Amino acid sequence: MTSATDITMDLVWCPTNMEKLIRRCIPKEMIPSDWSCSQLDVFSNLDLLRKMGKSELGMFRSTQDLFMVIANFLGVPGCANIMDFDFNGLYTTIPRMHTSLKGIDFVYKIDVFALASLVIPCPFEDWQQRMILSSIKVCQRNMELKWKCELKSHCEMVELPKDCLENFSKKMSGFGNNFATLAKVLQETYKLCLDAENVRAAWTDVLIKDNNAADGVYEIFKTCTEKYPLAENRDDYLMMLSWIGIVSKELEDFTTNSIPSISHTKATVRLFSVGKDNFVMAHELLQSLKNKNFDVSGFEEEVLGMPKLSTMEFREVARKVSIQEMKNIEFIRITQPETKLQATPIPSPNGDYCVRAIDAFHELLNDMIVAKKVFQTIEKDQFKHVETFFDSVKEYFCSNQGVYFISLEDLNLIKSTWEECYETKLKNSKQAKSIRNINGCSLNDLKKELEYLNLETCFPYIMDIAGGVYSKKKKTDMHTMIFQCQMIALSDPITCIVDFLHSQKVCTKWIPNSPCCGLSAELMTIIKKTYAELQAQEDAKDTAEATEAEKKKEEVAMEVPQKKKRSKKKLQKSVNRY
């Protein structure tokens, strides 16, 4: 259950929610204007999208590749709330499980019910399946609301061993396989519910302990009976009610009895990685340890003085927290999917969502280069607007606070600023080209494609960049190489980009042959300092020479009028002779 590929069940969605998800994950410029979701099946909708938008979505080699972009977002904890899904429609999320340094499995607490729901079978088809799935989703949401009231932190995680989930899956599969026999025993109970004079009251009393959930399921039932009358489908409804009752009870029991007590005694802190470097969110560390009454006096003041969503390297944590208390902390490795088009959010300690700063930057560049294809269409004299834009958002992409995160609110602000810049200063009628589906992928092919895309107009030296990019990248990925060529070309006039990439420890990944992170970071700092000193000396020398030149110029200026005066006298004497 660690990724979307582990889910073997069919993902059934209502078209409305499916379209919301796709438009959230894929820029609008890459979606054909006449495309819309019309199928319940996820892959059918994505397959149609890929066929209709083949030129724009050529970076995806298959429908499965496109699905993985969607699936990454479905793994965001509580993503249904971010997406503002229609809760009356069908949807499925795919929560991820994460493993601590001690090898223990954890899941975000807000995702426990969603994860358990994934392994619940549905022994019904067609309209009956839709009623069952919608009803179980109602039960799930109401249970989640109760849990949210108990959350000490938005990013709280709980231990959930895989064997607990596997046992629950086997138990529910057993119910599904033997459901026909089991239902006969339960049908008499639910028959009384349907035959009661006050159906709603009897329903709530018999079916589900939670009144809100029972009311929600009843509304779904009532809607179904309008199209599929109770009198004609009584046995079917009795079977469905039996199954809903079983699932509701087992879900409640799972969360009550399957979450180990260790989750209540140890502090949990998420551990992130960039290459070989591990780090934690500083404020999350402080908050989690304080919740468990750990001694934080040695670093609390320091953390409170740091910008929100700052990080602290793991080795630094080990120096600040005692050995004994380190034993009572579960550091949980969080593996973030690589940003393909949009950054994948995670819960932040303050109850909101955030993304890594480098992922936010990547999403911004994707919109410029992949979606809007800005550098294919703008003229050279328009590039100043791109520079002005980056200058306006440089406070969000700083290079002086190490690896850090950006709130989703700030990311949306950056994107709206960029959108305004594009619409008012850069957008024109010039038609951008799409990367062709070429057979070869040699350096010559790369250069031909760069020329075909008309990128030399904006970046005159992009052909020189192509060689370095080609030597470092997979030779089959033309889209990635063309993206990187533009990104490197962009970093030449906008020099702060390189500093930012280096501060986020991704400079070697993004720019071939750049000074690497880690040990060479110190060397780079020394080089920068030395360069700055030499530059200061050069500037001082240039200033002195300029001052001396100006002084000589003034002396010459004072002499020139006198010479002109003598010349006029000589000229006058010559005239008088004649």
Protein backbone atom coordinates (compact mmCIF):
# COMPACT_ATOMS: atom_id res chain seq x y z
CA MET A 1 0.00 0.00 0.00
CA THR A 2 2.98 2.29 -0.41
CA SER A 3 2.07 3.64 -3.82
CA ALA A 4 -0.66 3.88 -6.38
CA THR A 5 0.69 0.87 -8.24
CA ASP A 6 -0.09 -1.35 -5.25
CA ILE A 7 -3.82 -0.67 -5.54
CA THR A 8 -5.47 -3.36 -7.63
CA MET A 9 -9.07 -2.29 -7.14
CA ASP A 10 -10.97 -0.38 -9.82
CA LEU A 11 -10.96 3.36 -9.20
CA VAL A 12 -14.49 4.61 -9.75
CA TRP A 13 -15.15 8.35 -9.90
CA CYS A 14 -18.01 10.60 -10.78
CA PRO A 15 -17.15 12.73 -13.85
CA THR A 16 -17.38 16.01 -11.87
CA ASN A 17 -14.75 15.04 -9.30
CA MET A 18 -12.55 13.39 -11.90
CA GLU A 19 -12.47 16.54 -14.01
CA LYS A 20 -11.65 18.67 -10.95
CA LEU A 21 -8.69 16.43 -10.22
CA ILE A 22 -7.33 16.41 -13.76
CA ARG A 23 -7.60 20.19 -14.13
CA ARG A 24 -5.79 20.59 -10.80
CA CYS A 25 -2.91 18.35 -11.88
CA ILE A 26 -2.49 19.43 -15.51
CA PRO A 27 -2.09 23.07 -16.68
CA LYS A 28 -5.07 24.41 -18.63
CA GLU A 29 -2.92 25.09 -21.71
CA MET A 30 -2.26 21.34 -22.04
CA ILE A 31 -5.93 20.29 -21.95
CA PRO A 32 -7.92 20.50 -25.22
CA SER A 33 -10.76 23.01 -24.97
CA ASP A 34 -13.33 20.47 -26.19
CA TRP A 35 -12.33 17.70 -23.75
CA SER A 36 -14.46 16.78 -20.74
CA CYS A 37 -14.88 13.83 -18.38
CA SER A 38 -17.78 11.60 -19.30
CA GLN A 39 -16.78 8.16 -18.00
CA LEU A 40 -16.85 6.66 -14.50
CA ASP A 41 -13.59 4.84 -15.17
CA VAL A 42 -10.40 6.84 -14.53
CA PHE A 43 -8.33 5.27 -17.29
CA SER A 44 -11.03 5.74 -19.93
CA ASN A 45 -11.10 9.49 -19.22
CA LEU A 46 -7.31 9.77 -19.21
CA ASP A 47 -6.96 7.72 -22.38
CA LEU A 48 -9.35 10.05 -24.20
CA LEU A 49 -7.51 13.11 -22.85
CA ARG A 50 -4.16 11.77 -24.02
CA LYS A 51 -5.47 11.01 -27.51
CA MET A 52 -7.11 14.42 -27.90
CA GLY A 53 -4.13 16.31 -26.48
CA LYS A 54 -1.41 14.18 -28.03
CA SER A 55 0.78 17.11 -29.13
CA GLU A 56 0.64 18.84 -25.74
CA LEU A 57 0.84 15.67 -23.64
CA GLY A 58 3.62 14.00 -25.64
CA MET A 59 5.82 13.90 -22.54
CA PHE A 60 3.60 11.05 -21.29
CA ARG A 61 4.46 7.86 -23.14
CA SER A 62 1.35 6.02 -21.97
CA THR A 63 -1.96 6.50 -20.19
CA GLN A 64 -0.34 4.81 -17.19
CA ASP A 65 2.33 7.56 -17.08
CA LEU A 66 -0.40 10.20 -17.13
CA PHE A 67 -2.29 8.34 -14.41
CA MET A 68 0.76 8.39 -12.12
CA VAL A 69 0.69 12.22 -12.17
CA ILE A 70 -2.92 12.03 -10.97
CA ALA A 71 -2.14 9.27 -8.47
CA ASN A 72 0.64 11.33 -6.88
CA PHE A 73 -1.90 13.97 -5.97
CA LEU A 74 -4.37 11.36 -4.71
CA GLY A 75 -1.73 10.45 -2.14
CA VAL A 76 -1.84 13.92 -0.56
CA PRO A 77 -3.24 13.54 2.98
CA GLY A 78 -6.80 14.87 3.05
CA CYS A 79 -6.63 15.72 -0.66
CA ALA A 80 -10.43 15.60 -0.99
CA ASN A 81 -10.58 18.82 1.04
CA ILE A 82 -7.88 20.55 -1.04
CA MET A 83 -9.70 19.59 -4.22
CA ASP A 84 -13.08 20.69 -2.87
CA PHE A 85 -14.61 17.49 -4.19
CA ASP A 86 -18.34 17.09 -4.47
CA PHE A 87 -18.97 14.81 -1.49
CA ASN A 88 -22.22 13.64 -3.05
CA GLY A 89 -20.22 12.18 -5.93
CA LEU A 90 -17.84 9.24 -6.04
CA TYR A 91 -14.09 9.60 -5.60
CA THR A 92 -11.17 7.55 -4.35
CA THR A 93 -7.95 8.66 -2.68
CA ILE A 94 -4.75 6.60 -2.50
CA PRO A 95 -3.00 7.32 0.82
CA ARG A 96 0.65 6.37 1.17
CA MET A 97 2.25 4.45 3.99
CA HIS A 98 5.62 5.61 5.29
CA THR A 99 8.33 3.80 7.24
CA SER A 100 10.27 5.14 10.22
CA LEU A 101 14.04 4.75 10.67
CA LYS A 102 13.21 1.87 13.04
CA GLY A 103 11.26 0.07 10.31
CA ILE A 104 7.77 0.79 11.68
CA ASP A 105 4.93 1.60 9.27
CA PHE A 106 3.08 4.90 9.71
CA VAL A 107 0.26 6.74 8.01
CA TYR A 108 -1.14 10.25 8.38
CA LYS A 109 -3.90 10.05 10.96
CA ILE A 110 -6.34 11.87 8.69
CA ASP A 111 -5.82 9.09 6.11
CA VAL A 112 -6.49 6.01 8.25
CA PHE A 113 -10.11 5.58 7.15
CA ALA A 114 -9.30 6.27 3.50
CA LEU A 115 -6.54 3.66 3.57
CA ALA A 116 -8.79 1.06 5.21
CA SER A 117 -11.56 1.79 2.69
CA LEU A 118 -9.26 0.87 -0.19
CA VAL A 119 -9.23 -2.80 0.81
CA ILE A 120 -12.99 -3.12 1.31
CA PRO A 121 -14.54 -5.15 -1.53
CA CYS A 122 -17.89 -4.31 -3.08
CA PRO A 123 -19.93 -7.43 -3.96
CA PHE A 124 -22.38 -5.39 -6.08
CA GLU A 125 -22.51 -3.96 -9.60
CA ASP A 126 -24.03 -1.08 -11.57
CA TRP A 127 -26.42 1.20 -9.61
CA GLN A 128 -26.13 -0.98 -6.52
CA GLN A 129 -22.36 -0.53 -6.51
CA ARG A 130 -22.74 3.25 -6.78
CA MET A 131 -25.13 3.31 -3.83
CA ILE A 132 -22.80 1.14 -1.74
CA LEU A 133 -19.66 3.18 -2.53
CA SER A 134 -21.44 6.49 -1.91
CA SER A 135 -22.86 5.23 1.40
CA ILE A 136 -19.51 3.91 2.64
CA LYS A 137 -17.92 7.25 1.69
CA VAL A 138 -20.50 9.02 3.89
CA CYS A 139 -19.61 6.76 6.82
CA GLN A 140 -15.91 7.32 6.19
CA ARG A 141 -16.23 11.12 6.11
CA ASN A 142 -18.16 11.23 9.37
CA MET A 143 -15.59 9.05 11.11
CA GLU A 144 -12.82 11.29 9.76
CA LEU A 145 -14.54 14.38 11.17
CA LYS A 146 -14.49 12.80 14.64
CA TRP A 147 -10.81 12.02 14.31
CA LYS A 148 -9.95 15.53 13.17
CA CYS A 149 -11.30 16.85 16.46
CA GLU A 150 -8.68 14.72 18.23
CA LEU A 151 -5.73 15.79 16.09
CA LYS A 152 -2.96 17.54 18.00
CA SER A 153 -1.28 18.46 14.74
CA HIS A 154 -2.34 18.63 11.11
CA CYS A 155 0.64 16.45 10.22
CA GLU A 156 0.12 13.90 13.02
CA MET A 157 0.97 10.32 12.06
CA VAL A 158 0.00 7.01 13.66
CA GLU A 159 1.50 3.56 13.53
CA LEU A 160 -0.34 1.21 11.22
CA PRO A 161 1.58 -2.03 10.57
CA LYS A 162 1.00 -3.60 7.17
CA ASP A 163 -0.13 -6.85 8.79
CA CYS A 164 -3.01 -4.98 10.48
CA LEU A 165 -4.17 -3.75 7.09
CA GLU A 166 -3.67 -7.17 5.52
CA ASN A 167 -5.70 -8.84 8.29
CA PHE A 168 -8.47 -6.29 7.83
CA SER A 169 -8.39 -6.90 4.07
CA LYS A 170 -8.68 -10.68 4.57
CA LYS A 171 -11.51 -10.21 7.04
CA MET A 172 -13.48 -7.99 4.67
CA SER A 173 -12.79 -10.32 1.73
CA GLY A 174 -14.15 -13.16 3.85
CA PHE A 175 -17.30 -11.18 4.50
CA GLY A 176 -17.58 -10.49 0.78
CA ASN A 177 -17.11 -14.14 -0.23
CA ASN A 178 -19.65 -15.41 2.30
CA PHE A 179 -21.94 -12.43 2.06
CA ALA A 180 -24.92 -14.24 0.54
CA THR A 181 -25.10 -16.62 3.51
CA LEU A 182 -24.45 -13.87 6.04
CA ALA A 183 -27.05 -11.57 4.49
CA LYS A 184 -29.83 -14.09 5.00
CA VAL A 185 -29.27 -13.86 8.75
CA LEU A 186 -29.23 -10.06 8.67
CA GLN A 187 -32.10 -9.51 6.26
CA GLU A 188 -34.77 -10.02 8.92
CA THR A 189 -33.25 -7.20 10.98
CA TYR A 190 -33.12 -4.76 8.05
CA LYS A 191 -36.55 -5.83 6.82
CA LEU A 192 -37.98 -4.41 10.05
CA CYS A 193 -36.08 -1.22 9.33
CA LEU A 194 -37.65 -0.86 5.87
CA ASP A 195 -41.14 -1.84 7.07
CA ALA A 196 -41.20 0.50 10.07
CA GLU A 197 -43.68 3.37 10.00
CA ASN A 198 -40.95 5.89 10.76
CA VAL A 199 -38.33 4.53 8.36
CA ARG A 200 -35.76 7.24 9.09
CA ALA A 201 -35.81 6.68 12.87
CA ALA A 202 -35.70 2.89 12.54
CA TRP A 203 -32.88 3.23 10.01
CA THR A 204 -30.76 5.31 12.35
CA ASP A 205 -31.42 3.01 15.29
CA VAL A 206 -30.57 -0.21 13.46
CA LEU A 207 -28.06 0.59 10.75
CA ILE A 208 -25.37 2.92 12.07
CA LYS A 209 -24.63 4.28 15.53
CA ASP A 210 -23.60 7.66 14.10
CA ASN A 211 -26.76 9.71 13.47
CA ASN A 212 -25.11 11.98 10.89
CA ALA A 213 -23.78 9.05 8.89
CA ALA A 214 -27.13 7.26 9.09
CA ASP A 215 -28.91 10.38 7.84
CA GLY A 216 -26.47 10.69 4.94
CA VAL A 217 -26.90 7.06 3.93
CA TYR A 218 -30.66 7.38 4.23
CA GLU A 219 -30.66 10.32 1.79
CA ILE A 220 -28.70 8.23 -0.73
CA PHE A 221 -31.15 5.37 -0.24
CA LYS A 222 -34.13 7.67 -0.75
CA THR A 223 -32.64 9.08 -3.97
CA CYS A 224 -32.06 5.56 -5.30
CA THR A 225 -35.64 4.49 -4.59
CA GLU A 226 -36.89 7.27 -6.87
CA LYS A 227 -35.27 5.54 -9.83
CA TYR A 228 -35.25 1.98 -8.51
CA PRO A 229 -38.48 1.59 -6.46
CA LEU A 230 -38.32 -0.21 -3.13
CA ALA A 231 -41.30 -2.42 -3.92
CA GLU A 232 -39.56 -3.88 -6.99
CA ASN A 233 -36.08 -4.14 -5.47
CA ARG A 234 -36.74 -4.98 -1.82
CA ASP A 235 -34.34 -7.95 -1.67
CA ASP A 236 -31.59 -5.92 -3.34
CA TYR A 237 -32.01 -3.09 -0.84
CA LEU A 238 -31.96 -5.53 2.06
CA MET A 239 -28.69 -6.99 0.76
CA MET A 240 -27.18 -3.54 0.30
CA LEU A 241 -28.23 -2.33 3.74
CA SER A 242 -26.75 -5.47 5.25
CA TRP A 243 -23.41 -4.77 3.59
CA ILE A 244 -23.37 -1.08 4.56
CA GLY A 245 -24.07 -2.05 8.16
CA ILE A 246 -21.22 -4.59 8.18
CA VAL A 247 -18.71 -2.17 6.64
CA SER A 248 -19.66 0.67 8.99
CA LYS A 249 -19.19 -1.54 12.04
CA GLU A 250 -15.90 -3.02 10.81
CA LEU A 251 -14.44 0.38 9.91
CA GLU A 252 -15.19 1.67 13.39
CA ASP A 253 -13.74 -1.48 14.93
CA PHE A 254 -10.59 -1.27 12.77
CA THR A 255 -9.65 2.20 13.94
CA THR A 256 -10.47 1.36 17.56
CA ASN A 257 -8.52 -1.88 17.80
CA SER A 258 -5.85 -1.75 15.08
CA ILE A 259 -3.90 1.39 16.01
CA PRO A 260 -1.09 0.30 18.38
CA SER A 261 -0.70 2.11 21.67
CA ILE A 262 2.91 3.00 20.85
CA SER A 263 1.53 5.88 18.79
CA HIS A 264 0.38 7.51 22.02
CA THR A 265 3.74 7.34 23.80
CA LYS A 266 6.32 8.35 21.21
CA ALA A 267 6.78 11.64 19.40
CA THR A 268 6.56 11.42 15.62
CA VAL A 269 8.62 13.69 13.37
CA ARG A 270 8.72 13.56 9.58
CA LEU A 271 12.13 13.11 7.96
CA PHE A 272 12.73 14.46 4.46
CA SER A 273 15.64 13.81 2.12
CA VAL A 274 17.50 15.61 -0.65
CA GLY A 275 20.20 13.35 -2.03
CA LYS A 276 22.23 12.16 0.95
CA ASP A 277 21.01 14.95 3.23
CA ASN A 278 18.20 14.38 5.75
CA PHE A 279 16.27 17.16 7.46
CA VAL A 280 13.13 17.88 9.48
CA MET A 281 10.76 20.83 9.70
CA ALA A 282 12.09 22.84 12.63
CA HIS A 283 8.72 24.00 13.98
CA GLU A 284 7.22 20.52 13.61
CA LEU A 285 10.08 19.05 15.64
CA LEU A 286 9.53 21.60 18.40
CA GLN A 287 5.75 21.14 18.41
CA SER A 288 5.86 17.32 18.42
CA LEU A 289 8.40 17.14 21.24
CA LYS A 290 6.51 19.67 23.35
CA ASN A 291 3.31 17.64 22.90
CA LYS A 292 5.12 14.72 24.57
CA ASN A 293 6.60 16.94 27.31
CA PHE A 294 10.19 16.54 26.09
CA ASP A 295 12.83 19.03 27.17
CA VAL A 296 13.17 21.55 24.32
CA SER A 297 14.85 24.34 26.26
CA GLY A 298 18.11 23.84 24.37
CA PHE A 299 16.71 24.87 20.99
CA GLU A 300 13.19 26.30 21.45
CA GLU A 301 14.28 29.93 21.27
CA GLU A 302 16.37 29.25 18.17
CA VAL A 303 13.47 27.56 16.35
CA LEU A 304 10.97 30.27 17.28
CA GLY A 305 13.33 32.78 15.70
CA MET A 306 13.46 30.88 12.40
CA PRO A 307 11.12 31.63 9.46
CA LYS A 308 8.07 29.38 9.29
CA LEU A 309 8.58 26.16 7.32
CA SER A 310 12.35 26.27 7.82
CA THR A 311 14.24 23.01 8.19
CA MET A 312 16.94 21.62 10.43
CA GLU A 313 19.45 19.00 9.32
CA PHE A 314 19.12 15.62 11.02
CA ARG A 315 22.68 15.64 12.35
CA GLU A 316 21.94 19.01 13.96
CA VAL A 317 18.84 17.51 15.63
CA ALA A 318 21.02 14.71 17.01
CA ARG A 319 23.28 17.32 18.61
CA LYS A 320 20.42 19.30 20.16
CA VAL A 321 18.24 16.44 21.49
CA SER A 322 19.50 14.06 24.18
CA ILE A 323 20.27 10.44 23.31
CA GLN A 324 17.54 9.17 25.63
CA GLU A 325 14.89 11.39 24.07
CA MET A 326 16.06 10.51 20.55
CA LYS A 327 15.11 6.91 21.42
CA ASN A 328 11.54 8.06 22.07
CA ILE A 329 11.14 9.79 18.72
CA GLU A 330 9.95 8.03 15.58
CA PHE A 331 11.59 9.75 12.61
CA ILE A 332 9.36 8.83 9.67
CA ARG A 333 10.80 8.96 6.17
CA ILE A 334 8.52 10.91 3.83
CA THR A 335 9.15 10.11 0.18
CA GLN A 336 7.87 12.87 -2.07
CA PRO A 337 7.04 12.04 -5.70
CA GLU A 338 9.09 13.94 -8.25
CA THR A 339 7.38 17.04 -9.62
CA LYS A 340 6.26 16.31 -13.17
CA LEU A 341 3.95 19.28 -13.77
CA GLN A 342 2.59 20.39 -10.39
CA ALA A 343 4.16 20.30 -6.93
CA THR A 344 2.64 17.72 -4.55
CA PRO A 345 1.56 19.35 -1.25
CA ILE A 346 2.00 17.90 2.24
CA PRO A 347 0.42 18.97 5.54
CA SER A 348 2.34 21.72 7.32
CA PRO A 349 2.62 22.06 11.12
CA ASN A 350 0.34 25.11 11.19
CA GLY A 351 -2.68 23.24 9.80
CA ASP A 352 -2.24 24.33 6.19
CA TYR A 353 -0.39 22.70 3.29
CA CYS A 354 3.04 23.38 1.87
CA VAL A 355 5.50 22.25 -0.81
CA ARG A 356 9.27 22.18 -0.96
CA ALA A 357 10.62 25.47 -2.26
CA ILE A 358 12.39 23.69 -5.11
CA ASP A 359 9.13 21.94 -6.10
CA ALA A 360 7.32 25.29 -6.14
CA PHE A 361 10.07 26.67 -8.39
CA HIS A 362 9.84 23.60 -10.63
CA GLU A 363 6.07 24.05 -10.99
CA LEU A 364 6.60 27.70 -11.95
CA LEU A 365 9.15 26.77 -14.63
CA ASN A 366 6.86 24.04 -15.93
CA ASP A 367 4.15 26.62 -16.47
CA MET A 368 6.58 28.91 -18.30
CA ILE A 369 8.39 26.33 -20.41
CA VAL A 370 6.06 23.35 -20.84
CA ALA A 371 2.54 24.79 -20.58
CA LYS A 372 2.78 28.36 -21.93
CA LYS A 373 5.99 27.83 -23.99
CA VAL A 374 6.87 31.45 -23.27
CA PHE A 375 10.43 31.40 -24.58
CA GLN A 376 9.26 30.18 -27.98
CA THR A 377 6.92 33.09 -28.54
CA ILE A 378 8.27 36.24 -26.87
CA GLU A 379 10.60 38.68 -28.58
CA LYS A 380 14.01 39.50 -27.16
CA ASP A 381 12.86 42.93 -25.96
CA GLN A 382 10.07 41.30 -23.93
CA PHE A 383 12.50 39.31 -21.82
CA LYS A 384 12.85 42.27 -19.46
CA HIS A 385 9.34 41.47 -18.19
CA VAL A 386 10.48 37.97 -17.23
CA GLU A 387 13.39 39.48 -15.32
CA THR A 388 11.05 41.93 -13.59
CA PHE A 389 8.75 39.07 -12.58
CA PHE A 390 11.57 37.04 -11.01
CA ASP A 391 12.73 40.13 -9.18
CA SER A 392 9.20 40.58 -7.77
CA VAL A 393 9.11 37.04 -6.30
CA LYS A 394 12.75 36.69 -5.24
CA GLU A 395 11.77 36.83 -1.55
CA TYR A 396 10.06 33.44 -2.01
CA PHE A 397 13.11 31.85 -3.65
CA CYS A 398 15.90 33.01 -1.39
CA SER A 399 19.28 31.34 -1.01
CA ASN A 400 20.17 32.28 2.55
CA GLN A 401 18.08 29.92 4.69
CA GLY A 402 18.98 26.43 3.46
CA VAL A 403 16.38 23.90 2.35
CA TYR A 404 12.87 25.11 3.17
CA PHE A 405 9.19 24.81 2.30
CA ILE A 406 6.68 27.30 0.87
CA SER A 407 3.05 27.45 1.95
CA LEU A 408 0.42 26.56 -0.63
CA GLU A 409 -1.01 30.04 -0.11
CA ASP A 410 2.30 31.65 -1.09
CA LEU A 411 2.67 29.32 -4.07
CA ASN A 412 -0.76 30.36 -5.32
CA LEU A 413 0.24 34.01 -4.88
CA ILE A 414 3.41 33.44 -6.93
CA LYS A 415 1.39 31.73 -9.65
CA SER A 416 -1.22 34.50 -9.80
CA THR A 417 1.58 37.10 -10.06
CA TRP A 418 3.11 35.14 -12.93
CA GLU A 419 -0.28 34.73 -14.62
CA GLU A 420 -0.83 38.49 -14.52
CA CYS A 421 2.64 39.13 -15.93
CA TYR A 422 2.03 36.66 -18.76
CA GLU A 423 -1.44 37.93 -19.66
CA THR A 424 -0.51 41.63 -19.64
CA LYS A 425 3.14 41.64 -20.83
CA LEU A 426 4.03 38.43 -22.65
CA LYS A 427 1.01 36.78 -24.24
CA ASN A 428 0.80 37.23 -28.00
CA SER A 429 -0.72 35.65 -31.09
CA LYS A 430 2.45 33.85 -32.13
CA GLN A 431 1.82 30.10 -32.24
CA ALA A 432 4.22 27.96 -30.20
CA LYS A 433 5.33 24.59 -31.53
CA SER A 434 5.21 21.23 -29.77
CA ILE A 435 8.17 18.89 -29.47
CA ARG A 436 8.03 16.44 -32.35
CA ASN A 437 7.89 12.68 -31.99
CA ILE A 438 11.28 12.06 -33.60
CA ASN A 439 12.94 8.67 -34.01
CA GLY A 440 16.45 9.59 -32.96
CA CYS A 441 17.76 11.37 -29.90
CA SER A 442 21.34 12.31 -30.75
CA LEU A 443 22.97 15.62 -29.87
CA ASN A 444 22.28 16.70 -33.43
CA ASP A 445 18.60 15.76 -32.99
CA LEU A 446 18.48 17.85 -29.82
CA LYS A 447 19.98 20.87 -31.56
CA LYS A 448 17.62 20.51 -34.51
CA GLU A 449 14.65 20.42 -32.15
CA LEU A 450 15.87 23.53 -30.31
CA GLU A 451 16.17 25.29 -33.66
CA TYR A 452 12.72 24.04 -34.74
CA LEU A 453 11.20 25.44 -31.53
CA ASN A 454 12.75 28.85 -32.31
CA LEU A 455 14.47 29.06 -28.92
CA GLU A 456 17.59 30.82 -30.23
CA THR A 457 15.64 34.07 -30.53
CA CYS A 458 15.25 34.30 -26.77
CA PHE A 459 18.39 32.33 -25.84
CA PRO A 460 21.14 32.95 -28.45
CA TYR A 461 23.58 30.58 -26.72
CA ILE A 462 21.21 27.67 -26.16
CA MET A 463 23.03 25.49 -28.72
CA ASP A 464 26.19 25.73 -26.62
CA ILE A 465 24.20 24.59 -23.58
CA ALA A 466 22.81 21.57 -25.44
CA GLY A 467 26.11 19.68 -25.40
CA GLY A 468 26.44 19.76 -21.61
CA VAL A 469 22.81 18.77 -21.10
CA TYR A 470 23.05 15.93 -23.62
CA SER A 471 26.12 14.45 -21.94
CA LYS A 472 24.30 14.14 -18.59
CA LYS A 473 20.74 13.14 -19.48
CA LYS A 474 19.03 9.95 -20.62
CA LYS A 475 19.28 10.03 -24.39
CA THR A 476 15.64 8.99 -24.83
CA ASP A 477 14.07 11.90 -22.99
CA MET A 478 13.90 14.78 -25.45
CA HIS A 479 11.28 16.65 -23.40
CA THR A 480 13.48 16.70 -20.29
CA MET A 481 16.58 17.81 -22.20
CA ILE A 482 14.76 20.67 -23.92
CA PHE A 483 13.30 21.77 -20.58
CA GLN A 484 16.74 21.76 -18.98
CA CYS A 485 18.36 23.66 -21.85
CA GLN A 486 15.83 26.47 -21.38
CA MET A 487 16.18 26.42 -17.61
CA ILE A 488 19.98 26.75 -17.80
CA ALA A 489 19.71 29.47 -20.44
CA LEU A 490 17.28 31.32 -18.16
CA SER A 491 19.70 31.11 -15.23
CA ASP A 492 22.36 33.06 -17.14
CA PRO A 493 20.60 36.47 -17.15
CA ILE A 494 18.71 35.71 -13.92
CA THR A 495 21.71 34.84 -11.79
CA CYS A 496 19.81 34.33 -8.53
CA ILE A 497 18.47 31.04 -9.92
CA VAL A 498 21.82 29.27 -9.57
CA ASP A 499 22.22 30.47 -5.97
CA PHE A 500 18.72 29.26 -5.15
CA LEU A 501 19.28 25.83 -6.72
CA HIS A 502 22.52 25.48 -4.80
CA SER A 503 20.88 26.41 -1.49
CA GLN A 504 18.26 23.68 -2.11
CA LYS A 505 21.05 21.15 -2.82
CA VAL A 506 19.89 20.33 -6.34
CA CYS A 507 22.39 22.31 -8.42
CA THR A 508 24.16 19.24 -9.88
CA LYS A 509 20.84 17.63 -10.76
CA TRP A 510 19.52 20.72 -12.51
CA ILE A 511 22.70 22.17 -14.01
CA PRO A 512 25.33 19.72 -15.35
CA ASN A 513 28.94 20.41 -14.31
CA SER A 514 27.89 22.91 -11.63
CA PRO A 515 29.71 22.88 -8.24
CA CYS A 516 28.14 20.03 -6.32
CA CYS A 517 26.39 20.15 -2.97
CA GLY A 518 27.69 18.65 0.22
CA LEU A 519 31.45 18.94 0.78
CA SER A 520 31.95 21.13 -2.28
CA ALA A 521 29.38 23.57 -0.95
CA GLU A 522 32.04 24.95 1.40
CA LEU A 523 34.44 25.25 -1.52
CA MET A 524 31.80 27.09 -3.51
CA THR A 525 31.30 29.50 -0.62
CA ILE A 526 35.06 30.18 -0.51
CA ILE A 527 35.15 30.65 -4.28
CA LYS A 528 32.23 33.06 -4.12
CA LYS A 529 33.85 35.02 -1.30
CA THR A 530 37.19 35.19 -3.12
CA TYR A 531 35.45 36.20 -6.33
CA ALA A 532 33.55 38.92 -4.49
CA GLU A 533 36.80 40.26 -3.01
CA LEU A 534 38.51 40.23 -6.41
CA GLN A 535 35.48 41.88 -7.95
CA ALA A 536 35.59 44.57 -5.25
CA GLN A 537 39.26 45.19 -6.04
CA GLU A 538 38.50 45.38 -9.75
CA ASP A 539 35.63 47.78 -9.07
CA ALA A 540 37.89 49.97 -6.91
CA LYS A 541 40.55 49.94 -9.63
CA ASP A 542 37.97 50.83 -12.29
CA THR A 543 36.65 53.64 -10.10
CA ALA A 544 40.16 55.04 -9.59
CA GLU A 545 40.93 54.87 -13.31
CA ALA A 546 37.60 56.49 -14.14
CA THR A 547 38.31 59.29 -11.67
CA GLU A 548 41.78 59.85 -13.13
CA ALA A 549 40.39 59.86 -16.67
CA GLU A 550 37.71 62.36 -15.69
CA LYS A 551 40.35 64.59 -14.11
CA LYS A 552 42.47 64.58 -17.28
CA LYS A 553 39.38 65.25 -19.36
CA GLU A 554 38.60 68.33 -17.29
CA GLU A 555 42.19 69.59 -17.72
CA VAL A 556 41.97 69.13 -21.48
CA ALA A 557 38.59 70.87 -21.54
CA MET A 558 40.13 73.90 -19.85
CA GLU A 559 42.95 74.07 -22.42
CA VAL A 560 40.87 73.62 -25.58
CA PRO A 561 39.00 77.02 -25.46
CA GLN A 562 42.33 78.91 -25.16
CA LYS A 563 43.67 77.24 -28.29
CA LYS A 564 40.49 78.10 -30.14
CA LYS A 565 40.83 81.75 -29.05
CA ARG A 566 44.37 82.00 -30.48
CA SER A 567 43.19 80.46 -33.70
CA LYS A 568 40.48 83.06 -34.11
CA LYS A 569 43.02 85.91 -33.69
CA LYS A 570 45.27 84.41 -36.35
CA LEU A 571 42.28 84.02 -38.63
CA GLN A 572 41.28 87.65 -38.09
CA LYS A 573 44.83 88.87 -38.94
CA SER A 574 44.75 86.87 -42.13
CA VAL A 575 41.42 88.36 -43.11
CA ASN A 576 42.67 91.92 -42.41
CA ARG A 577 45.59 91.43 -44.78
CA TYR A 578 43.20 90.99 -47.66
